[in-house]
Amino acid sequence: MFLGFLKGYPSELIGDVSTGTGFAGIFATGTLLGSKAIGISSQYLFFMEMPTIIIYFCAFKWLCDQKKLYKFVPDEKRSNNEKV
């Protein structure tokens, strides 16, 4: 679903997002293993990380608003003078 959301963004962004999600998996696994090593229960860890849902939702909402504000113009529609 998340990659479907990115279809209106530049194609270069897909690699950045993929890198971020890959790192998130490594970080989450490391957090889980580290918390188990120091004796934190899964229930306590779940409640500790629950506020990140609000942060994720706010970031997603902000991206949606930005997408409505600034329309993506594909490279083939830009003139040669405007290329980055």
N, C-alpha and C. Protein backbone atom coordinates (compact mmCIF):
# COMPACT_ATOMS: atom_id res chain seq x y z
N MET A 1 0.81 -1.18 0.00
CA MET A 1 0.00 0.00 0.00
C MET A 1 0.86 1.25 0.00
N PHE A 2 1.94 1.25 0.76
CA PHE A 2 2.76 2.45 0.89
C PHE A 2 3.42 2.81 -0.43
N LEU A 3 3.91 1.83 -1.18
CA LEU A 3 4.53 2.13 -2.46
C LEU A 3 3.51 2.65 -3.46
N GLY A 4 2.27 2.21 -3.35
CA GLY A 4 1.20 2.75 -4.19
C GLY A 4 0.97 4.22 -3.93
N PHE A 5 1.14 4.62 -2.69
CA PHE A 5 1.01 6.04 -2.33
C PHE A 5 2.09 6.87 -3.02
N LEU A 6 3.26 6.29 -3.25
CA LEU A 6 4.38 7.03 -3.84
C LEU A 6 4.31 7.15 -5.36
N LYS A 7 3.29 6.60 -6.00
CA LYS A 7 3.26 6.62 -7.46
C LYS A 7 3.21 8.03 -8.04
N GLY A 8 2.78 9.00 -7.27
CA GLY A 8 2.75 10.37 -7.76
C GLY A 8 4.01 11.16 -7.46
N TYR A 9 4.97 10.53 -6.82
CA TYR A 9 6.22 11.21 -6.47
C TYR A 9 7.31 10.82 -7.47
N PRO A 10 8.41 11.56 -7.51
CA PRO A 10 9.51 11.22 -8.44
C PRO A 10 10.03 9.80 -8.20
N SER A 11 10.46 9.15 -9.25
CA SER A 11 10.92 7.76 -9.14
C SER A 11 12.16 7.62 -8.28
N GLU A 12 12.95 8.68 -8.14
CA GLU A 12 14.16 8.61 -7.31
C GLU A 12 13.80 8.40 -5.84
N LEU A 13 12.60 8.76 -5.46
CA LEU A 13 12.17 8.67 -4.07
C LEU A 13 11.96 7.22 -3.64
N ILE A 14 11.65 6.34 -4.57
CA ILE A 14 11.39 4.94 -4.24
C ILE A 14 12.61 4.30 -3.57
N GLY A 15 13.80 4.56 -4.08
CA GLY A 15 15.02 4.02 -3.48
C GLY A 15 15.23 4.53 -2.07
N ASP A 16 14.95 5.81 -1.85
CA ASP A 16 15.10 6.38 -0.51
C ASP A 16 14.12 5.74 0.47
N VAL A 17 12.90 5.56 0.03
CA VAL A 17 11.88 4.95 0.90
C VAL A 17 12.25 3.50 1.19
N SER A 18 12.72 2.79 0.19
CA SER A 18 13.10 1.39 0.39
C SER A 18 14.25 1.26 1.38
N THR A 19 15.19 2.17 1.30
CA THR A 19 16.31 2.18 2.24
C THR A 19 15.79 2.42 3.65
N GLY A 20 14.87 3.36 3.77
CA GLY A 20 14.30 3.67 5.08
C GLY A 20 13.54 2.52 5.68
N THR A 21 12.75 1.82 4.88
CA THR A 21 11.99 0.69 5.41
C THR A 21 12.91 -0.48 5.74
N GLY A 22 13.98 -0.64 4.98
CA GLY A 22 14.95 -1.69 5.30
C GLY A 22 15.65 -1.42 6.62
N PHE A 23 16.03 -0.16 6.83
CA PHE A 23 16.66 0.20 8.09
C PHE A 23 15.67 0.06 9.25
N ALA A 24 14.40 0.38 9.01
CA ALA A 24 13.39 0.26 10.07
C ALA A 24 13.27 -1.19 10.54
N GLY A 25 13.36 -2.13 9.62
CA GLY A 25 13.30 -3.54 9.99
C GLY A 25 14.48 -3.96 10.85
N ILE A 26 15.66 -3.49 10.47
CA ILE A 26 16.86 -3.81 11.25
C ILE A 26 16.79 -3.15 12.62
N PHE A 27 16.36 -1.89 12.66
CA PHE A 27 16.26 -1.16 13.92
C PHE A 27 15.22 -1.81 14.85
N ALA A 28 14.06 -2.20 14.28
CA ALA A 28 13.01 -2.82 15.10
C ALA A 28 13.48 -4.16 15.67
N THR A 29 14.15 -4.95 14.86
CA THR A 29 14.66 -6.22 15.34
C THR A 29 15.71 -6.01 16.42
N GLY A 30 16.60 -5.04 16.21
CA GLY A 30 17.61 -4.73 17.21
C GLY A 30 16.99 -4.25 18.51
N THR A 31 15.95 -3.42 18.41
CA THR A 31 15.26 -2.93 19.61
C THR A 31 14.61 -4.09 20.37
N LEU A 32 13.97 -4.98 19.64
CA LEU A 32 13.31 -6.12 20.28
C LEU A 32 14.34 -7.03 20.95
N LEU A 33 15.41 -7.36 20.25
CA LEU A 33 16.44 -8.21 20.85
C LEU A 33 17.12 -7.54 22.04
N GLY A 34 17.39 -6.24 21.90
CA GLY A 34 18.02 -5.50 23.00
C GLY A 34 17.13 -5.42 24.23
N SER A 35 15.83 -5.19 24.01
CA SER A 35 14.91 -5.11 25.16
C SER A 35 14.75 -6.47 25.83
N LYS A 36 14.76 -7.53 25.06
CA LYS A 36 14.69 -8.87 25.65
C LYS A 36 15.96 -9.18 26.45
N ALA A 37 17.09 -8.70 25.95
CA ALA A 37 18.36 -8.95 26.64
C ALA A 37 18.42 -8.27 28.00
N ILE A 38 17.77 -7.10 28.12
CA ILE A 38 17.79 -6.41 29.41
C ILE A 38 16.55 -6.69 30.26
N GLY A 39 15.66 -7.54 29.76
CA GLY A 39 14.54 -8.02 30.56
C GLY A 39 13.24 -7.23 30.46
N ILE A 40 13.08 -6.42 29.42
CA ILE A 40 11.81 -5.69 29.25
C ILE A 40 10.79 -6.63 28.61
N SER A 41 9.60 -6.65 29.17
CA SER A 41 8.56 -7.54 28.64
C SER A 41 8.01 -6.99 27.32
N SER A 42 7.44 -7.86 26.52
CA SER A 42 6.85 -7.45 25.24
C SER A 42 5.71 -6.48 25.45
N GLN A 43 4.92 -6.70 26.48
CA GLN A 43 3.78 -5.83 26.76
C GLN A 43 4.25 -4.40 27.08
N TYR A 44 5.27 -4.27 27.92
CA TYR A 44 5.79 -2.95 28.27
C TYR A 44 6.40 -2.27 27.04
N LEU A 45 7.11 -3.04 26.23
CA LEU A 45 7.72 -2.51 25.02
C LEU A 45 6.65 -2.01 24.06
N PHE A 46 5.56 -2.76 23.94
CA PHE A 46 4.45 -2.36 23.07
C PHE A 46 3.88 -1.02 23.52
N PHE A 47 3.62 -0.86 24.81
CA PHE A 47 3.05 0.39 25.31
C PHE A 47 4.05 1.55 25.20
N MET A 48 5.33 1.25 25.30
CA MET A 48 6.34 2.28 25.16
C MET A 48 6.41 2.80 23.73
N GLU A 49 6.21 1.94 22.76
CA GLU A 49 6.33 2.31 21.36
C GLU A 49 5.00 2.73 20.72
N MET A 50 3.91 2.62 21.45
CA MET A 50 2.61 2.99 20.91
C MET A 50 2.49 4.45 20.47
N PRO A 51 3.11 5.41 21.16
CA PRO A 51 3.01 6.80 20.69
C PRO A 51 3.59 7.04 19.30
N THR A 52 4.45 6.14 18.81
CA THR A 52 5.00 6.34 17.47
C THR A 52 3.92 6.23 16.40
N ILE A 53 2.79 5.61 16.72
CA ILE A 53 1.67 5.54 15.77
C ILE A 53 1.18 6.95 15.46
N ILE A 54 1.11 7.80 16.48
CA ILE A 54 0.65 9.17 16.29
C ILE A 54 1.64 9.94 15.42
N ILE A 55 2.93 9.75 15.66
CA ILE A 55 3.96 10.43 14.87
C ILE A 55 3.89 9.97 13.42
N TYR A 56 3.73 8.67 13.20
CA TYR A 56 3.64 8.13 11.84
C TYR A 56 2.41 8.68 11.12
N PHE A 57 1.28 8.73 11.81
CA PHE A 57 0.05 9.25 11.21
C PHE A 57 0.21 10.72 10.83
N CYS A 58 0.80 11.51 11.72
CA CYS A 58 1.00 12.94 11.43
C CYS A 58 1.93 13.13 10.24
N ALA A 59 2.98 12.34 10.15
CA ALA A 59 3.90 12.44 9.01
C ALA A 59 3.21 12.05 7.71
N PHE A 60 2.39 11.00 7.75
CA PHE A 60 1.66 10.55 6.56
C PHE A 60 0.66 11.62 6.13
N LYS A 61 -0.04 12.22 7.08
CA LYS A 61 -1.02 13.28 6.80
C LYS A 61 -0.31 14.48 6.19
N TRP A 62 0.86 14.84 6.72
CA TRP A 62 1.61 15.97 6.19
C TRP A 62 2.03 15.71 4.74
N LEU A 63 2.49 14.47 4.47
CA LEU A 63 2.86 14.12 3.10
C LEU A 63 1.67 14.21 2.15
N CYS A 64 0.52 13.76 2.60
CA CYS A 64 -0.70 13.84 1.77
C CYS A 64 -1.03 15.29 1.45
N ASP A 65 -0.92 16.14 2.45
CA ASP A 65 -1.20 17.56 2.23
C ASP A 65 -0.20 18.18 1.27
N GLN A 66 1.08 17.81 1.39
CA GLN A 66 2.10 18.33 0.49
C GLN A 66 1.86 17.86 -0.95
N LYS A 67 1.39 16.62 -1.08
CA LYS A 67 1.13 16.09 -2.42
C LYS A 67 -0.01 16.86 -3.09
N LYS A 68 -1.00 17.26 -2.32
CA LYS A 68 -2.10 18.05 -2.88
C LYS A 68 -1.65 19.47 -3.23
N LEU A 69 -0.73 20.01 -2.44
CA LEU A 69 -0.27 21.38 -2.63
C LEU A 69 0.67 21.51 -3.83
N TYR A 70 1.61 20.57 -3.94
CA TYR A 70 2.62 20.63 -5.00
C TYR A 70 2.46 19.43 -5.92
N LYS A 71 1.96 19.68 -7.11
CA LYS A 71 1.76 18.60 -8.07
C LYS A 71 3.09 18.19 -8.69
N PHE A 72 3.29 16.90 -8.87
CA PHE A 72 4.51 16.36 -9.48
C PHE A 72 4.45 16.51 -10.99
N VAL A 73 5.53 17.01 -11.57
CA VAL A 73 5.63 17.15 -13.01
C VAL A 73 6.71 16.17 -13.48
N PRO A 74 6.34 15.14 -14.25
CA PRO A 74 7.33 14.17 -14.72
C PRO A 74 8.42 14.83 -15.56
N ASP A 75 9.60 14.21 -15.58
CA ASP A 75 10.75 14.77 -16.29
C ASP A 75 10.47 15.04 -17.76
N GLU A 76 9.74 14.16 -18.43
CA GLU A 76 9.51 14.34 -19.87
C GLU A 76 8.65 15.56 -20.17
N LYS A 77 7.92 16.07 -19.19
CA LYS A 77 7.09 17.26 -19.42
C LYS A 77 7.84 18.55 -19.10
N ARG A 78 8.98 18.46 -18.45
CA ARG A 78 9.78 19.65 -18.14
C ARG A 78 10.58 20.05 -19.36
N SER A 79 10.87 21.32 -19.44
CA SER A 79 11.75 21.77 -20.53
C SER A 79 13.20 21.51 -20.11
N ASN A 80 14.12 21.57 -21.04
CA ASN A 80 15.53 21.34 -20.75
C ASN A 80 16.09 22.35 -19.77
N ASN A 81 15.55 23.56 -19.78
CA ASN A 81 16.04 24.60 -18.87
C ASN A 81 15.67 24.34 -17.42
N GLU A 82 14.64 23.58 -17.17
CA GLU A 82 14.16 23.37 -15.82
C GLU A 82 14.75 22.13 -15.16
N LYS A 83 15.47 21.31 -15.90
CA LYS A 83 15.99 20.06 -15.31
C LYS A 83 16.92 20.33 -14.16
N VAL A 84 16.81 19.48 -13.15
CA VAL A 84 17.62 19.64 -11.94
C VAL A 84 18.91 18.87 -12.08
